[in-house]
Amino acid sequence: MRLFLQIVTGILLLGYPLAVYFGLNYLPAGTIAMVLCFILILRLLIQKQQVKAMILPILVGIGLTAASFIAKRHDWLLYYPVVINLSMLMLFVYSLKLGPSMIERLARLKEPELPHEATPYLKKVTLIWCGLFVFNGSMALYTALYASLEIWTLYNGLIAYLLIGSLLGGEWLYRTIWLNKS
């Protein structure tokens, strides 16, 4: 049951920008803030023992959604993608400082005995991810402050995911084709 709830809440949170857009346009005032707050609380309860690094952004999300409902300020819902990008940036930078880099940690899940020569490459990939989080976080903040809800939703609900997917796919392609030629 726990795994099922993790999957469902994960999918729902990936759809956060779309939920905000449709909730603000088609639901009674405050409803989407309550629903998102409930989903985040549920995620916190089932995630508690798993990924401790993601507890802070979930708590901030709960705070933003609850405060949005209480203060009747729907614009506060728009800042959650900023929080997520900032959290991921801090996590990746922290891994660069203390080592091993986040991408090396993830790579070791699949291949525990990585060659030592892979470490510098994986550090560079982690740095590239940091750059993406800075860019995405900046765009998320810009769209929250200055753009329409439609533009905010387009960027945070589609373009940001396309950029993440492009980096994942591009790095995988580079690693499997070009690095394996060496």
N, C-alpha and C. Protein backbone atom coordinates (compact mmCIF):
# COMPACT_ATOMS: atom_id res chain seq x y z
N MET A 1 0.82 -1.20 0.00
CA MET A 1 0.00 0.00 0.00
C MET A 1 0.87 1.27 0.00
N ARG A 2 1.98 1.20 0.77
CA ARG A 2 2.87 2.36 0.84
C ARG A 2 3.45 2.70 -0.54
N LEU A 3 3.89 1.67 -1.27
CA LEU A 3 4.45 1.88 -2.60
C LEU A 3 3.41 2.49 -3.53
N PHE A 4 2.19 1.98 -3.46
CA PHE A 4 1.11 2.52 -4.28
C PHE A 4 0.89 4.00 -3.97
N LEU A 5 0.85 4.36 -2.69
CA LEU A 5 0.65 5.77 -2.31
C LEU A 5 1.83 6.63 -2.74
N GLN A 6 3.05 6.08 -2.68
CA GLN A 6 4.21 6.84 -3.14
C GLN A 6 4.11 7.13 -4.63
N ILE A 7 3.70 6.15 -5.40
CA ILE A 7 3.57 6.33 -6.84
C ILE A 7 2.47 7.34 -7.15
N VAL A 8 1.32 7.18 -6.52
CA VAL A 8 0.19 8.08 -6.78
C VAL A 8 0.52 9.52 -6.38
N THR A 9 1.07 9.72 -5.17
CA THR A 9 1.39 11.09 -4.76
C THR A 9 2.52 11.67 -5.62
N GLY A 10 3.47 10.83 -6.04
CA GLY A 10 4.54 11.29 -6.93
C GLY A 10 4.00 11.79 -8.26
N ILE A 11 3.09 11.02 -8.83
CA ILE A 11 2.48 11.42 -10.11
C ILE A 11 1.66 12.70 -9.93
N LEU A 12 0.90 12.76 -8.85
CA LEU A 12 0.09 13.95 -8.60
C LEU A 12 0.97 15.19 -8.42
N LEU A 13 2.10 15.03 -7.73
CA LEU A 13 2.98 16.18 -7.54
C LEU A 13 3.71 16.57 -8.82
N LEU A 14 3.97 15.61 -9.70
CA LEU A 14 4.53 15.97 -11.02
C LEU A 14 3.54 16.83 -11.79
N GLY A 15 2.27 16.58 -11.58
CA GLY A 15 1.22 17.35 -12.24
C GLY A 15 0.83 18.61 -11.49
N TYR A 16 1.62 19.01 -10.49
CA TYR A 16 1.32 20.18 -9.67
C TYR A 16 0.95 21.42 -10.51
N PRO A 17 1.77 21.80 -11.51
CA PRO A 17 1.42 23.00 -12.28
C PRO A 17 0.07 22.88 -12.98
N LEU A 18 -0.23 21.72 -13.53
CA LEU A 18 -1.53 21.54 -14.19
C LEU A 18 -2.67 21.58 -13.18
N ALA A 19 -2.43 20.98 -12.01
CA ALA A 19 -3.45 21.00 -10.95
C ALA A 19 -3.73 22.43 -10.52
N VAL A 20 -2.69 23.23 -10.36
CA VAL A 20 -2.87 24.64 -9.97
C VAL A 20 -3.67 25.37 -11.05
N TYR A 21 -3.28 25.19 -12.31
CA TYR A 21 -3.97 25.87 -13.40
C TYR A 21 -5.45 25.52 -13.42
N PHE A 22 -5.75 24.23 -13.44
CA PHE A 22 -7.16 23.83 -13.52
C PHE A 22 -7.90 24.15 -12.23
N GLY A 23 -7.24 24.00 -11.11
CA GLY A 23 -7.88 24.30 -9.84
C GLY A 23 -8.25 25.76 -9.70
N LEU A 24 -7.35 26.64 -10.13
CA LEU A 24 -7.63 28.07 -10.02
C LEU A 24 -8.68 28.53 -11.03
N ASN A 25 -8.75 27.84 -12.15
CA ASN A 25 -9.71 28.24 -13.18
C ASN A 25 -11.08 27.59 -13.05
N TYR A 26 -11.15 26.38 -12.48
CA TYR A 26 -12.40 25.63 -12.55
C TYR A 26 -12.96 25.16 -11.21
N LEU A 27 -12.25 25.37 -10.12
CA LEU A 27 -12.73 24.92 -8.81
C LEU A 27 -13.06 26.11 -7.93
N PRO A 28 -13.90 25.90 -6.92
CA PRO A 28 -14.17 27.00 -5.98
C PRO A 28 -12.87 27.48 -5.32
N ALA A 29 -12.85 28.75 -4.95
CA ALA A 29 -11.65 29.35 -4.36
C ALA A 29 -11.13 28.52 -3.19
N GLY A 30 -9.84 28.32 -3.17
CA GLY A 30 -9.19 27.62 -2.08
C GLY A 30 -9.19 26.11 -2.17
N THR A 31 -10.02 25.54 -3.04
CA THR A 31 -10.13 24.08 -3.12
C THR A 31 -8.81 23.44 -3.52
N ILE A 32 -8.16 23.98 -4.53
CA ILE A 32 -6.92 23.35 -5.00
C ILE A 32 -5.82 23.47 -3.96
N ALA A 33 -5.80 24.56 -3.21
CA ALA A 33 -4.81 24.71 -2.15
C ALA A 33 -5.00 23.62 -1.10
N MET A 34 -6.25 23.35 -0.72
CA MET A 34 -6.53 22.29 0.26
C MET A 34 -6.14 20.92 -0.29
N VAL A 35 -6.50 20.65 -1.53
CA VAL A 35 -6.19 19.35 -2.14
C VAL A 35 -4.68 19.14 -2.21
N LEU A 36 -3.95 20.16 -2.68
CA LEU A 36 -2.49 20.04 -2.79
C LEU A 36 -1.85 19.91 -1.41
N CYS A 37 -2.37 20.62 -0.44
CA CYS A 37 -1.85 20.52 0.92
C CYS A 37 -2.05 19.09 1.44
N PHE A 38 -3.21 18.52 1.20
CA PHE A 38 -3.48 17.14 1.62
C PHE A 38 -2.52 16.17 0.95
N ILE A 39 -2.30 16.33 -0.36
CA ILE A 39 -1.39 15.45 -1.09
C ILE A 39 0.03 15.56 -0.53
N LEU A 40 0.46 16.78 -0.23
CA LEU A 40 1.80 16.98 0.31
C LEU A 40 1.93 16.39 1.72
N ILE A 41 0.90 16.52 2.54
CA ILE A 41 0.92 15.92 3.87
C ILE A 41 1.00 14.40 3.75
N LEU A 42 0.21 13.84 2.85
CA LEU A 42 0.24 12.40 2.62
C LEU A 42 1.63 11.97 2.16
N ARG A 43 2.21 12.74 1.25
CA ARG A 43 3.56 12.43 0.75
C ARG A 43 4.57 12.47 1.89
N LEU A 44 4.45 13.45 2.76
CA LEU A 44 5.36 13.56 3.89
C LEU A 44 5.24 12.35 4.81
N LEU A 45 4.02 11.92 5.07
CA LEU A 45 3.80 10.79 5.97
C LEU A 45 4.39 9.49 5.40
N ILE A 46 4.26 9.29 4.10
CA ILE A 46 4.78 8.03 3.53
C ILE A 46 6.25 8.14 3.16
N GLN A 47 6.77 9.34 3.01
CA GLN A 47 8.16 9.56 2.61
C GLN A 47 9.08 9.66 3.82
N LYS A 48 8.52 9.82 4.99
CA LYS A 48 9.26 10.14 6.20
C LYS A 48 10.58 9.37 6.36
N GLN A 49 10.57 8.11 6.14
CA GLN A 49 11.75 7.29 6.36
C GLN A 49 12.60 7.13 5.11
N GLN A 50 12.18 7.61 3.97
CA GLN A 50 12.84 7.27 2.71
C GLN A 50 13.87 8.31 2.27
N VAL A 51 13.44 9.40 1.73
CA VAL A 51 14.38 10.39 1.19
C VAL A 51 14.32 11.62 2.09
N LYS A 52 15.19 11.66 3.07
CA LYS A 52 15.16 12.74 4.06
C LYS A 52 15.42 14.11 3.43
N ALA A 53 16.18 14.13 2.34
CA ALA A 53 16.51 15.40 1.69
C ALA A 53 15.28 16.08 1.11
N MET A 54 14.23 15.32 0.82
CA MET A 54 13.04 15.92 0.22
C MET A 54 12.00 16.33 1.26
N ILE A 55 12.29 16.14 2.54
CA ILE A 55 11.34 16.52 3.58
C ILE A 55 11.17 18.03 3.63
N LEU A 56 12.26 18.78 3.55
CA LEU A 56 12.17 20.24 3.63
C LEU A 56 11.30 20.83 2.52
N PRO A 57 11.52 20.47 1.23
CA PRO A 57 10.63 21.05 0.22
C PRO A 57 9.18 20.63 0.39
N ILE A 58 8.94 19.44 0.91
CA ILE A 58 7.56 19.02 1.15
C ILE A 58 6.95 19.87 2.25
N LEU A 59 7.72 20.12 3.32
CA LEU A 59 7.22 20.97 4.41
C LEU A 59 6.94 22.39 3.93
N VAL A 60 7.85 22.92 3.10
CA VAL A 60 7.63 24.26 2.55
C VAL A 60 6.39 24.26 1.65
N GLY A 61 6.21 23.20 0.87
CA GLY A 61 5.01 23.09 0.04
C GLY A 61 3.74 23.05 0.87
N ILE A 62 3.78 22.32 1.97
CA ILE A 62 2.63 22.28 2.88
C ILE A 62 2.36 23.69 3.41
N GLY A 63 3.43 24.37 3.80
CA GLY A 63 3.29 25.75 4.29
C GLY A 63 2.71 26.68 3.25
N LEU A 64 3.21 26.57 2.01
CA LEU A 64 2.71 27.44 0.94
C LEU A 64 1.24 27.17 0.63
N THR A 65 0.87 25.90 0.54
CA THR A 65 -0.52 25.58 0.20
C THR A 65 -1.46 25.91 1.34
N ALA A 66 -1.05 25.64 2.57
CA ALA A 66 -1.90 25.96 3.72
C ALA A 66 -2.05 27.48 3.86
N ALA A 67 -0.94 28.20 3.74
CA ALA A 67 -1.00 29.66 3.84
C ALA A 67 -1.82 30.26 2.71
N SER A 68 -1.69 29.67 1.52
CA SER A 68 -2.49 30.13 0.38
C SER A 68 -3.98 30.01 0.68
N PHE A 69 -4.35 28.87 1.26
CA PHE A 69 -5.76 28.65 1.61
C PHE A 69 -6.22 29.63 2.69
N ILE A 70 -5.44 29.76 3.74
CA ILE A 70 -5.81 30.61 4.88
C ILE A 70 -5.87 32.08 4.47
N ALA A 71 -4.85 32.54 3.74
CA ALA A 71 -4.77 33.95 3.36
C ALA A 71 -5.57 34.27 2.09
N LYS A 72 -6.10 33.22 1.46
CA LYS A 72 -6.82 33.39 0.19
C LYS A 72 -5.95 34.09 -0.85
N ARG A 73 -4.67 33.63 -0.93
CA ARG A 73 -3.69 34.16 -1.87
C ARG A 73 -3.24 33.04 -2.79
N HIS A 74 -3.92 32.88 -3.91
CA HIS A 74 -3.58 31.78 -4.82
C HIS A 74 -2.20 31.92 -5.43
N ASP A 75 -1.66 33.14 -5.48
CA ASP A 75 -0.34 33.33 -6.08
C ASP A 75 0.76 32.61 -5.30
N TRP A 76 0.55 32.32 -4.03
CA TRP A 76 1.55 31.61 -3.25
C TRP A 76 1.75 30.18 -3.75
N LEU A 77 0.73 29.63 -4.40
CA LEU A 77 0.85 28.29 -4.96
C LEU A 77 1.89 28.23 -6.08
N LEU A 78 2.16 29.37 -6.69
CA LEU A 78 3.05 29.42 -7.84
C LEU A 78 4.53 29.28 -7.47
N TYR A 79 4.85 29.38 -6.20
CA TYR A 79 6.26 29.36 -5.79
C TYR A 79 6.80 27.96 -5.49
N TYR A 80 5.96 26.95 -5.50
CA TYR A 80 6.44 25.60 -5.19
C TYR A 80 7.49 25.09 -6.18
N PRO A 81 7.36 25.31 -7.48
CA PRO A 81 8.45 24.89 -8.39
C PRO A 81 9.78 25.58 -8.08
N VAL A 82 9.73 26.81 -7.58
CA VAL A 82 10.97 27.49 -7.17
C VAL A 82 11.60 26.73 -6.01
N VAL A 83 10.77 26.35 -5.05
CA VAL A 83 11.25 25.62 -3.88
C VAL A 83 11.88 24.28 -4.29
N ILE A 84 11.23 23.58 -5.20
CA ILE A 84 11.76 22.28 -5.64
C ILE A 84 13.11 22.45 -6.32
N ASN A 85 13.22 23.42 -7.22
CA ASN A 85 14.49 23.63 -7.93
C ASN A 85 15.59 24.08 -6.97
N LEU A 86 15.26 24.94 -6.04
CA LEU A 86 16.24 25.39 -5.05
C LEU A 86 16.69 24.22 -4.17
N SER A 87 15.76 23.38 -3.78
CA SER A 87 16.09 22.20 -2.96
C SER A 87 17.00 21.25 -3.71
N MET A 88 16.67 20.98 -4.96
CA MET A 88 17.51 20.08 -5.76
C MET A 88 18.90 20.69 -5.98
N LEU A 89 18.95 21.98 -6.21
CA LEU A 89 20.24 22.65 -6.37
C LEU A 89 21.08 22.49 -5.10
N MET A 90 20.48 22.74 -3.94
CA MET A 90 21.22 22.62 -2.69
C MET A 90 21.71 21.18 -2.48
N LEU A 91 20.87 20.22 -2.80
CA LEU A 91 21.23 18.81 -2.64
C LEU A 91 22.41 18.44 -3.54
N PHE A 92 22.37 18.88 -4.79
CA PHE A 92 23.44 18.55 -5.74
C PHE A 92 24.74 19.29 -5.38
N VAL A 93 24.64 20.56 -4.98
CA VAL A 93 25.83 21.31 -4.59
C VAL A 93 26.45 20.69 -3.34
N TYR A 94 25.62 20.32 -2.40
CA TYR A 94 26.08 19.67 -1.17
C TYR A 94 26.85 18.39 -1.50
N SER A 95 26.34 17.63 -2.45
CA SER A 95 27.02 16.39 -2.84
C SER A 95 28.37 16.69 -3.50
N LEU A 96 28.46 17.79 -4.22
CA LEU A 96 29.74 18.16 -4.84
C LEU A 96 30.77 18.55 -3.77
N LYS A 97 30.28 19.20 -2.73
CA LYS A 97 31.19 19.65 -1.68
C LYS A 97 31.70 18.48 -0.84
N LEU A 98 30.80 17.56 -0.46
CA LEU A 98 31.18 16.47 0.43
C LEU A 98 31.55 15.19 -0.29
N GLY A 99 31.04 15.01 -1.52
CA GLY A 99 31.32 13.83 -2.32
C GLY A 99 30.67 12.59 -1.75
N PRO A 100 30.47 11.59 -2.51
CA PRO A 100 30.55 11.63 -3.96
C PRO A 100 29.42 12.48 -4.55
N SER A 101 29.61 12.91 -5.78
CA SER A 101 28.60 13.76 -6.42
C SER A 101 27.29 13.00 -6.57
N MET A 102 26.21 13.74 -6.67
CA MET A 102 24.88 13.12 -6.74
C MET A 102 24.77 12.17 -7.93
N ILE A 103 25.30 12.55 -9.07
CA ILE A 103 25.22 11.69 -10.24
C ILE A 103 26.06 10.44 -10.05
N GLU A 104 27.18 10.56 -9.36
CA GLU A 104 27.98 9.37 -9.06
C GLU A 104 27.20 8.44 -8.13
N ARG A 105 26.53 9.00 -7.15
CA ARG A 105 25.72 8.17 -6.24
C ARG A 105 24.64 7.42 -7.01
N LEU A 106 23.99 8.13 -7.92
CA LEU A 106 22.94 7.49 -8.72
C LEU A 106 23.54 6.44 -9.66
N ALA A 107 24.70 6.74 -10.24
CA ALA A 107 25.34 5.77 -11.14
C ALA A 107 25.76 4.51 -10.38
N ARG A 108 26.17 4.66 -9.15
CA ARG A 108 26.60 3.51 -8.35
C ARG A 108 25.44 2.60 -7.96
N LEU A 109 24.23 3.11 -8.02
CA LEU A 109 23.07 2.25 -7.77
C LEU A 109 22.98 1.16 -8.83
N LYS A 110 23.33 1.53 -10.07
CA LYS A 110 23.28 0.58 -11.18
C LYS A 110 24.59 -0.19 -11.32
N GLU A 111 25.69 0.51 -11.11
CA GLU A 111 27.01 -0.09 -11.30
C GLU A 111 27.89 0.26 -10.09
N PRO A 112 27.84 -0.55 -9.03
CA PRO A 112 28.57 -0.23 -7.79
C PRO A 112 30.08 -0.10 -7.95
N GLU A 113 30.66 -0.80 -8.90
CA GLU A 113 32.12 -0.77 -9.08
C GLU A 113 32.50 0.11 -10.27
N LEU A 114 32.21 1.38 -10.18
CA LEU A 114 32.58 2.31 -11.25
C LEU A 114 34.09 2.49 -11.28
N PRO A 115 34.67 2.66 -12.48
CA PRO A 115 36.11 2.95 -12.55
C PRO A 115 36.39 4.35 -11.99
N HIS A 116 37.56 4.52 -11.42
CA HIS A 116 37.92 5.82 -10.82
C HIS A 116 37.91 6.96 -11.85
N GLU A 117 38.15 6.61 -13.11
CA GLU A 117 38.17 7.64 -14.17
C GLU A 117 36.78 8.25 -14.38
N ALA A 118 35.74 7.58 -13.93
CA ALA A 118 34.38 8.07 -14.13
C ALA A 118 34.04 9.24 -13.21
N THR A 119 34.73 9.33 -12.07
CA THR A 119 34.40 10.34 -11.06
C THR A 119 34.44 11.78 -11.60
N PRO A 120 35.50 12.20 -12.31
CA PRO A 120 35.50 13.59 -12.82
C PRO A 120 34.36 13.86 -13.80
N TYR A 121 34.08 12.88 -14.65
CA TYR A 121 32.97 13.03 -15.60
C TYR A 121 31.65 13.19 -14.86
N LEU A 122 31.42 12.36 -13.86
CA LEU A 122 30.16 12.40 -13.11
C LEU A 122 30.03 13.70 -12.31
N LYS A 123 31.17 14.25 -11.87
CA LYS A 123 31.16 15.57 -11.21
C LYS A 123 30.71 16.65 -12.19
N LYS A 124 31.23 16.58 -13.42
CA LYS A 124 30.85 17.57 -14.43
C LYS A 124 29.35 17.47 -14.75
N VAL A 125 28.85 16.25 -14.83
CA VAL A 125 27.41 16.08 -15.09
C VAL A 125 26.60 16.65 -13.93
N THR A 126 27.06 16.45 -12.72
CA THR A 126 26.37 17.02 -11.56
C THR A 126 26.36 18.55 -11.64
N LEU A 127 27.48 19.13 -12.07
CA LEU A 127 27.55 20.59 -12.25
C LEU A 127 26.55 21.06 -13.31
N ILE A 128 26.42 20.30 -14.38
CA ILE A 128 25.46 20.66 -15.44
C ILE A 128 24.04 20.63 -14.86
N TRP A 129 23.74 19.61 -14.03
CA TRP A 129 22.42 19.56 -13.39
C TRP A 129 22.21 20.77 -12.49
N CYS A 130 23.26 21.18 -11.79
CA CYS A 130 23.15 22.38 -10.95
C CYS A 130 22.78 23.59 -11.81
N GLY A 131 23.41 23.71 -12.96
CA GLY A 131 23.08 24.80 -13.87
C GLY A 131 21.63 24.75 -14.32
N LEU A 132 21.14 23.54 -14.59
CA LEU A 132 19.73 23.41 -14.99
C LEU A 132 18.81 23.82 -13.85
N PHE A 133 19.14 23.44 -12.62
CA PHE A 133 18.29 23.83 -11.48
C PHE A 133 18.30 25.34 -11.27
N VAL A 134 19.45 25.98 -11.50
CA VAL A 134 19.51 27.44 -11.39
C VAL A 134 18.61 28.06 -12.46
N PHE A 135 18.74 27.58 -13.69
CA PHE A 135 17.93 28.11 -14.79
C PHE A 135 16.44 27.87 -14.54
N ASN A 136 16.07 26.62 -14.24
CA ASN A 136 14.66 26.29 -14.01
C ASN A 136 14.10 27.06 -12.83
N GLY A 137 14.87 27.16 -11.77
CA GLY A 137 14.40 27.90 -10.60
C GLY A 137 14.20 29.38 -10.91
N SER A 138 15.12 29.93 -11.68
CA SER A 138 15.00 31.35 -12.08
C SER A 138 13.77 31.57 -12.95
N MET A 139 13.57 30.67 -13.89
CA MET A 139 12.39 30.79 -14.76
C MET A 139 11.10 30.57 -13.98
N ALA A 140 11.12 29.64 -13.03
CA ALA A 140 9.94 29.41 -12.20
C ALA A 140 9.62 30.66 -11.39
N LEU A 141 10.65 31.30 -10.84
CA LEU A 141 10.44 32.53 -10.08
C LEU A 141 9.94 33.65 -10.99
N TYR A 142 10.57 33.79 -12.15
CA TYR A 142 10.15 34.83 -13.10
C TYR A 142 8.68 34.64 -13.50
N THR A 143 8.31 33.40 -13.85
CA THR A 143 6.93 33.17 -14.28
C THR A 143 5.95 33.37 -13.13
N ALA A 144 6.37 33.05 -11.90
CA ALA A 144 5.48 33.26 -10.75
C ALA A 144 5.26 34.75 -10.49
N LEU A 145 6.31 35.54 -10.69
CA LEU A 145 6.22 36.98 -10.40
C LEU A 145 5.61 37.80 -11.54
N TYR A 146 5.94 37.46 -12.79
CA TYR A 146 5.64 38.38 -13.89
C TYR A 146 4.78 37.82 -15.02
N ALA A 147 4.57 36.53 -15.06
CA ALA A 147 3.86 35.95 -16.19
C ALA A 147 2.42 35.61 -15.82
N SER A 148 1.64 35.35 -16.85
CA SER A 148 0.25 34.93 -16.63
C SER A 148 0.26 33.49 -16.09
N LEU A 149 -0.87 33.07 -15.58
CA LEU A 149 -1.01 31.70 -15.10
C LEU A 149 -0.78 30.70 -16.23
N GLU A 150 -1.20 31.05 -17.43
CA GLU A 150 -1.02 30.16 -18.58
C GLU A 150 0.47 29.97 -18.89
N ILE A 151 1.23 31.06 -18.88
CA ILE A 151 2.68 30.98 -19.15
C ILE A 151 3.37 30.23 -18.02
N TRP A 152 2.98 30.51 -16.78
CA TRP A 152 3.55 29.79 -15.62
C TRP A 152 3.32 28.29 -15.78
N THR A 153 2.11 27.92 -16.15
CA THR A 153 1.77 26.50 -16.31
C THR A 153 2.54 25.89 -17.47
N LEU A 154 2.64 26.61 -18.57
CA LEU A 154 3.38 26.11 -19.73
C LEU A 154 4.84 25.85 -19.37
N TYR A 155 5.46 26.81 -18.69
CA TYR A 155 6.87 26.61 -18.36
C TYR A 155 7.04 25.51 -17.31
N ASN A 156 6.35 25.64 -16.20
CA ASN A 156 6.57 24.73 -15.07
C ASN A 156 5.93 23.36 -15.26
N GLY A 157 4.93 23.26 -16.12
CA GLY A 157 4.26 21.99 -16.33
C GLY A 157 4.66 21.28 -17.61
N LEU A 158 5.43 21.94 -18.47
CA LEU A 158 5.84 21.30 -19.71
C LEU A 158 7.31 21.58 -20.04
N ILE A 159 7.64 22.85 -20.23
CA ILE A 159 8.99 23.19 -20.69
C ILE A 159 10.06 22.73 -19.71
N ALA A 160 9.85 22.94 -18.42
CA ALA A 160 10.84 22.50 -17.42
C ALA A 160 11.04 20.98 -17.50
N TYR A 161 9.95 20.23 -17.67
CA TYR A 161 10.07 18.78 -17.78
C TYR A 161 10.77 18.38 -19.08
N LEU A 162 10.53 19.11 -20.15
CA LEU A 162 11.23 18.83 -21.41
C LEU A 162 12.73 19.08 -21.27
N LEU A 163 13.09 20.15 -20.56
CA LEU A 163 14.52 20.43 -20.33
C LEU A 163 15.16 19.33 -19.50
N ILE A 164 14.48 18.89 -18.45
CA ILE A 164 14.99 17.81 -17.61
C ILE A 164 15.13 16.52 -18.43
N GLY A 165 14.11 16.21 -19.21
CA GLY A 165 14.16 15.03 -20.06
C GLY A 165 15.26 15.11 -21.10
N SER A 166 15.46 16.30 -21.66
CA SER A 166 16.53 16.49 -22.66
C SER A 166 17.90 16.28 -22.05
N LEU A 167 18.10 16.79 -20.84
CA LEU A 167 19.38 16.59 -20.17
C LEU A 167 19.59 15.12 -19.84
N LEU A 168 18.56 14.47 -19.32
CA LEU A 168 18.66 13.03 -19.03
C LEU A 168 18.99 12.24 -20.30
N GLY A 169 18.23 12.47 -21.35
CA GLY A 169 18.40 11.76 -22.60
C GLY A 169 19.71 12.09 -23.28
N GLY A 170 20.06 13.37 -23.29
CA GLY A 170 21.30 13.80 -23.93
C GLY A 170 22.52 13.23 -23.24
N GLU A 171 22.51 13.24 -21.92
CA GLU A 171 23.64 12.69 -21.18
C GLU A 171 23.73 11.18 -21.38
N TRP A 172 22.61 10.51 -21.36
CA TRP A 172 22.60 9.06 -21.59
C TRP A 172 23.14 8.74 -22.99
N LEU A 173 22.68 9.49 -23.99
CA LEU A 173 23.15 9.28 -25.36
C LEU A 173 24.65 9.51 -25.47
N TYR A 174 25.12 10.61 -24.90
CA TYR A 174 26.55 10.92 -24.91
C TYR A 174 27.34 9.79 -24.24
N ARG A 175 26.88 9.37 -23.09
CA ARG A 175 27.59 8.33 -22.33
C ARG A 175 27.59 6.99 -23.07
N THR A 176 26.46 6.61 -23.64
CA THR A 176 26.39 5.29 -24.28
C THR A 176 27.05 5.25 -25.65
N ILE A 177 26.99 6.33 -26.40
CA ILE A 177 27.55 6.31 -27.76
C ILE A 177 29.00 6.80 -27.77
N TRP A 178 29.24 8.01 -27.31
CA TRP A 178 30.57 8.59 -27.45
C TRP A 178 31.56 8.06 -26.44
N LEU A 179 31.16 7.94 -25.21
CA LEU A 179 32.12 7.47 -24.19
C LEU A 179 32.44 5.99 -24.36
N ASN A 180 31.51 5.21 -24.88
CA ASN A 180 31.77 3.80 -25.09
C ASN A 180 32.66 3.54 -26.30
N LYS A 181 32.81 4.55 -27.17
CA LYS A 181 33.72 4.42 -28.32
C LYS A 181 35.17 4.44 -27.87
N SER A 182 35.43 5.11 -26.75
CA SER A 182 36.80 5.26 -26.27
C SER A 182 37.37 3.96 -25.77
